[in-house]
């Protein structure tokens, strides 16, 4: 099976320009995903539920690298998130399956979730698991103790970008993965 030339790139739209970047890239025919959350803000003395980015400045872009490179040329607020490899900074690319599972959890409003910036969670001591059944059927992550939470949490992390956790209600749906 041939590998798709399209990839999910983790990017930063600086100065809270996530939606500006999304609209700009969409106008170029490029798919963009911004993890969003609902929160209550007081606007003019009135409490309102608003949708805001879960992690400031973070966007995921699905495109061919050459097309994305061309589209972002001259757009100073749009930058690749990178990681070190052999002394070089290389763009963070999220595997399609991991992005699909992450989006499934983020976009499901029935799942109570908490978002974390890079480095906020230490998942090294957790247990790798897969959920069977319910709204997170088939999703893989780590069952770990999260500071400030009573019960162990099901967590997912996209390295160097974002982590998300949710309470496990039914442990009979959890399978330990080797």
Foldseek 3Di string as FASTA:
>chain_A
DDDDLKFKFKKFQPPQCQVVVCVLVVVVVKDKDFQWDWDWDQDPNDTDIDIGGLDGRIMIIIDRPVSVVVSCVPVVRIGFQFDDDPNDTDIQTDDPVLVVLVCLQSVDPVFDKHKDFAPQDDQVPWFWKAFPDDSNHGDIATFADHPPDDHTWGKHDRHNGMMMTGHDDDCVRIDTDD
